[in-house]
């Protein structure tokens, strides 16, 4: 029994400490301290020597505005819901395209089934090749994730942010533990660079 409780307690401490540092990381990452790290691209074009291109995409779902009367996050379901990106001290807020969505469950574990708002975020950047530190955050959810990556000179790269939704409390069924739902909020990201988890 002790062997089971100890790992669970360690995991809980890691999750809590990660959540506790998110607001501080969001505050530190919200303001640019540099402006020479990346440039936003409208058209690709040839990549100059010493540089690489990075396409950032994310699609996620939230509940509609006004669903929960005591929702502290008033940006849910509105155009104010944004993604924050900071690379090496240069910050940019990415506004997503929003659309209403109501999908039928594709399986018993479908975290995006139901009526809500689908957001699609995308930004194309050009930055120097080499090592970089990135912070991705959703300030309204008070979540932030920090990663390091390396870009090869002349390469086209894809950074995909997949949402981790909260646990669907009260909806668990025997044999289906760990069910999540977009209606429980976003708790973090799976970050993939060129299809590989970071």
Protein backbone atom coordinates (compact mmCIF):
# COMPACT_ATOMS: atom_id res chain seq x y z
CA UNK A 1 0.00 0.00 0.00
CA UNK A 2 2.85 2.39 0.87
CA UNK A 3 4.36 1.72 -2.56
CA UNK A 4 1.19 3.03 -4.21
CA UNK A 5 0.60 6.06 -1.96
CA UNK A 6 4.14 7.51 -2.19
CA UNK A 7 4.25 7.79 -6.03
CA UNK A 8 0.74 9.28 -6.00
CA UNK A 9 1.81 11.89 -3.43
CA UNK A 10 4.95 12.75 -5.45
CA UNK A 11 2.85 13.14 -8.64
CA UNK A 12 0.40 15.41 -6.79
CA UNK A 13 3.25 17.60 -5.50
CA UNK A 14 4.73 17.89 -9.01
CA UNK A 15 1.34 18.88 -10.46
CA UNK A 16 0.66 21.41 -7.68
CA UNK A 17 4.14 22.97 -7.93
CA UNK A 18 3.76 23.19 -11.73
CA UNK A 19 0.45 25.01 -11.32
CA UNK A 20 1.91 27.34 -8.67
CA UNK A 21 4.71 28.52 -10.97
CA UNK A 22 2.43 29.11 -13.97
CA UNK A 23 1.13 32.58 -12.94
CA UNK A 24 4.70 33.78 -12.30
CA UNK A 25 5.86 32.32 -15.62
CA UNK A 26 2.94 33.96 -17.44
CA UNK A 27 3.72 37.35 -15.86
CA UNK A 28 7.41 37.07 -16.75
CA UNK A 29 6.61 35.97 -20.33
CA UNK A 30 3.87 38.51 -21.09
CA UNK A 31 6.26 41.37 -21.83
CA UNK A 32 8.95 41.41 -24.50
CA UNK A 33 12.46 42.15 -23.29
CA UNK A 34 13.80 41.63 -26.83
CA UNK A 35 12.48 42.32 -30.33
CA UNK A 36 15.14 40.64 -32.46
CA UNK A 37 14.42 36.95 -31.81
CA UNK A 38 11.81 36.26 -34.50
CA UNK A 39 9.85 37.96 -37.23
CA UNK A 40 6.29 37.08 -38.17
CA UNK A 41 5.86 35.76 -41.71
CA UNK A 42 2.99 36.39 -44.06
CA UNK A 43 4.57 34.51 -46.98
CA UNK A 44 7.26 31.86 -46.62
CA UNK A 45 9.83 32.60 -49.29
CA UNK A 46 13.42 31.34 -49.31
CA UNK A 47 15.01 30.96 -45.88
CA UNK A 48 18.18 33.07 -45.50
CA UNK A 49 21.44 31.54 -44.28
CA UNK A 50 21.52 31.14 -40.52
CA UNK A 51 17.73 31.06 -40.13
CA UNK A 52 14.87 28.55 -39.86
CA UNK A 53 11.08 28.79 -40.12
CA UNK A 54 8.68 27.69 -37.39
CA UNK A 55 4.94 27.19 -37.81
CA UNK A 56 3.05 27.13 -34.48
CA UNK A 57 -0.45 25.61 -34.44
CA UNK A 58 -2.96 24.66 -31.81
CA UNK A 59 -6.60 23.70 -31.84
CA UNK A 60 -8.59 23.42 -28.62
CA UNK A 61 -12.09 23.66 -27.29
CA UNK A 62 -13.69 25.62 -24.43
CA UNK A 63 -17.20 25.90 -23.09
CA UNK A 64 -19.46 28.66 -24.38
CA UNK A 65 -19.58 31.99 -22.53
CA UNK A 66 -22.11 32.32 -19.73
CA UNK A 67 -22.53 28.56 -19.19
CA UNK A 68 -21.19 28.71 -15.63
CA UNK A 69 -22.52 31.65 -13.57
CA UNK A 70 -19.41 31.79 -11.35
CA UNK A 71 -16.84 31.33 -14.11
CA UNK A 72 -13.85 33.54 -13.21
CA UNK A 73 -12.61 33.31 -16.80
CA UNK A 74 -14.80 35.70 -18.76
CA UNK A 75 -12.75 35.15 -21.95
CA UNK A 76 -14.07 31.61 -22.52
CA UNK A 77 -15.92 31.49 -25.80
CA UNK A 78 -14.98 35.05 -26.80
CA UNK A 79 -12.39 36.63 -29.11
CA UNK A 80 -10.42 37.71 -25.99
CA UNK A 81 -9.29 34.11 -25.44
CA UNK A 82 -5.66 34.11 -26.62
CA UNK A 83 -2.49 32.06 -26.70
CA UNK A 84 0.72 33.65 -25.39
CA UNK A 85 4.05 32.72 -26.93
CA UNK A 86 7.47 33.89 -25.72
CA UNK A 87 10.68 32.79 -27.45
CA UNK A 88 13.96 33.87 -25.84
CA UNK A 89 12.33 36.97 -24.34
CA UNK A 90 10.24 38.12 -27.32
CA UNK A 91 6.50 37.79 -26.68
CA UNK A 92 3.50 37.66 -28.98
CA UNK A 93 -0.19 37.08 -28.24
CA UNK A 94 -1.90 34.93 -30.84
CA UNK A 95 -5.57 35.53 -31.52
CA UNK A 96 -7.40 32.43 -32.68
CA UNK A 97 -10.34 31.96 -34.97
CA UNK A 98 -13.37 30.81 -33.00
CA UNK A 99 -16.39 28.83 -34.13
CA UNK A 100 -19.27 27.11 -32.37
CA UNK A 101 -19.06 23.34 -32.40
CA UNK A 102 -21.31 20.53 -31.24
CA UNK A 103 -19.92 17.09 -31.97
CA UNK A 104 -21.21 13.67 -31.08
CA UNK A 105 -18.84 11.47 -29.09
CA UNK A 106 -16.60 9.36 -31.34
CA UNK A 107 -15.81 7.08 -28.40
CA UNK A 108 -16.49 6.79 -24.67
CA UNK A 109 -13.26 8.69 -24.01
CA UNK A 110 -13.81 11.62 -26.41
CA UNK A 111 -12.75 14.75 -24.43
CA UNK A 112 -14.11 17.16 -27.06
CA UNK A 113 -17.64 15.77 -27.39
CA UNK A 114 -20.44 18.23 -26.78
CA UNK A 115 -21.34 21.85 -27.42
CA UNK A 116 -18.61 24.47 -27.11
CA UNK A 117 -16.27 26.86 -28.90
CA UNK A 118 -13.43 25.58 -31.11
CA UNK A 119 -10.32 27.78 -31.32
CA UNK A 120 -7.64 27.49 -33.99
CA UNK A 121 -4.36 29.29 -33.42
CA UNK A 122 -1.59 29.66 -35.98
CA UNK A 123 1.56 31.77 -36.33
CA UNK A 124 4.43 31.51 -38.82
CA UNK A 125 7.81 32.75 -37.58
CA UNK A 126 11.35 33.06 -38.89
CA UNK A 127 14.16 32.92 -36.34
CA UNK A 128 17.86 32.18 -36.15
CA UNK A 129 18.78 28.52 -36.30
CA UNK A 130 20.10 26.93 -33.11
CA UNK A 131 18.85 26.52 -29.54
CA UNK A 132 15.81 28.41 -28.25
CA UNK A 133 13.65 28.53 -25.12
CA UNK A 134 9.89 28.83 -25.61
CA UNK A 135 7.06 29.51 -23.16
CA UNK A 136 3.53 28.73 -24.35
CA UNK A 137 0.65 29.86 -22.16
CA UNK A 138 -3.04 30.53 -21.94
CA UNK A 139 -3.14 33.43 -19.46
CA UNK A 140 -6.92 33.11 -18.89
CA UNK A 141 -6.47 29.48 -17.79
CA UNK A 142 -3.33 30.34 -15.75
CA UNK A 143 -1.35 27.59 -17.46
CA UNK A 144 2.12 27.88 -18.94
CA UNK A 145 4.65 25.40 -20.27
CA UNK A 146 8.34 25.98 -20.90
CA UNK A 147 10.46 23.96 -23.35
CA UNK A 148 13.77 24.13 -25.18
CA UNK A 149 14.30 23.17 -28.80
CA UNK A 150 16.90 23.32 -31.55
CA UNK A 151 16.26 24.40 -35.15
CA UNK A 152 18.48 23.30 -38.02
CA UNK A 153 19.59 26.02 -40.44
CA UNK A 154 17.34 26.29 -43.50
CA UNK A 155 14.67 24.01 -42.05
CA UNK A 156 10.87 24.30 -42.01
CA UNK A 157 9.55 23.24 -38.61
CA UNK A 158 6.19 22.59 -37.00
CA UNK A 159 5.41 23.19 -33.31
CA UNK A 160 2.02 21.71 -32.38
CA UNK A 161 0.35 22.38 -29.03
CA UNK A 162 -2.24 19.75 -28.13
CA UNK A 163 -4.48 20.52 -25.12
CA UNK A 164 -4.67 18.42 -21.97
CA UNK A 165 -8.18 18.80 -20.57
CA UNK A 166 -9.26 18.50 -16.94
CA UNK A 167 -10.73 15.38 -15.40
CA UNK A 168 -14.44 14.87 -15.98
CA UNK A 169 -15.45 14.67 -12.31
CA UNK A 170 -18.63 12.73 -11.65
CA UNK A 171 -18.57 11.14 -15.12
CA UNK A 172 -16.18 8.29 -14.35
CA UNK A 173 -17.43 4.80 -15.08
CA UNK A 174 -16.03 1.48 -13.90
CA UNK A 175 -13.14 0.59 -16.21
CA UNK A 176 -12.97 4.13 -17.68
CA UNK A 177 -10.84 6.04 -15.20
CA UNK A 178 -9.00 9.10 -16.42
CA UNK A 179 -11.83 10.52 -18.54
CA UNK A 180 -11.26 14.17 -19.46
CA UNK A 181 -13.49 16.87 -20.92
CA UNK A 182 -12.99 20.30 -22.49
CA UNK A 183 -15.74 21.59 -20.18
CA UNK A 184 -13.37 21.07 -17.22
CA UNK A 185 -10.83 23.52 -18.65
CA UNK A 186 -7.32 23.17 -20.07
CA UNK A 187 -4.65 21.93 -17.66
CA UNK A 188 -1.60 21.98 -19.95
CA UNK A 189 -0.19 21.08 -23.34
CA UNK A 190 1.44 18.20 -25.10
CA UNK A 191 4.12 19.92 -27.17
CA UNK A 192 5.33 18.30 -30.39
CA UNK A 193 8.18 19.56 -32.56
CA UNK A 194 8.06 18.08 -36.05
CA UNK A 195 5.78 15.32 -34.76
CA UNK A 196 7.98 14.32 -31.81
CA UNK A 197 7.04 15.01 -28.17
CA UNK A 198 9.25 17.53 -26.42
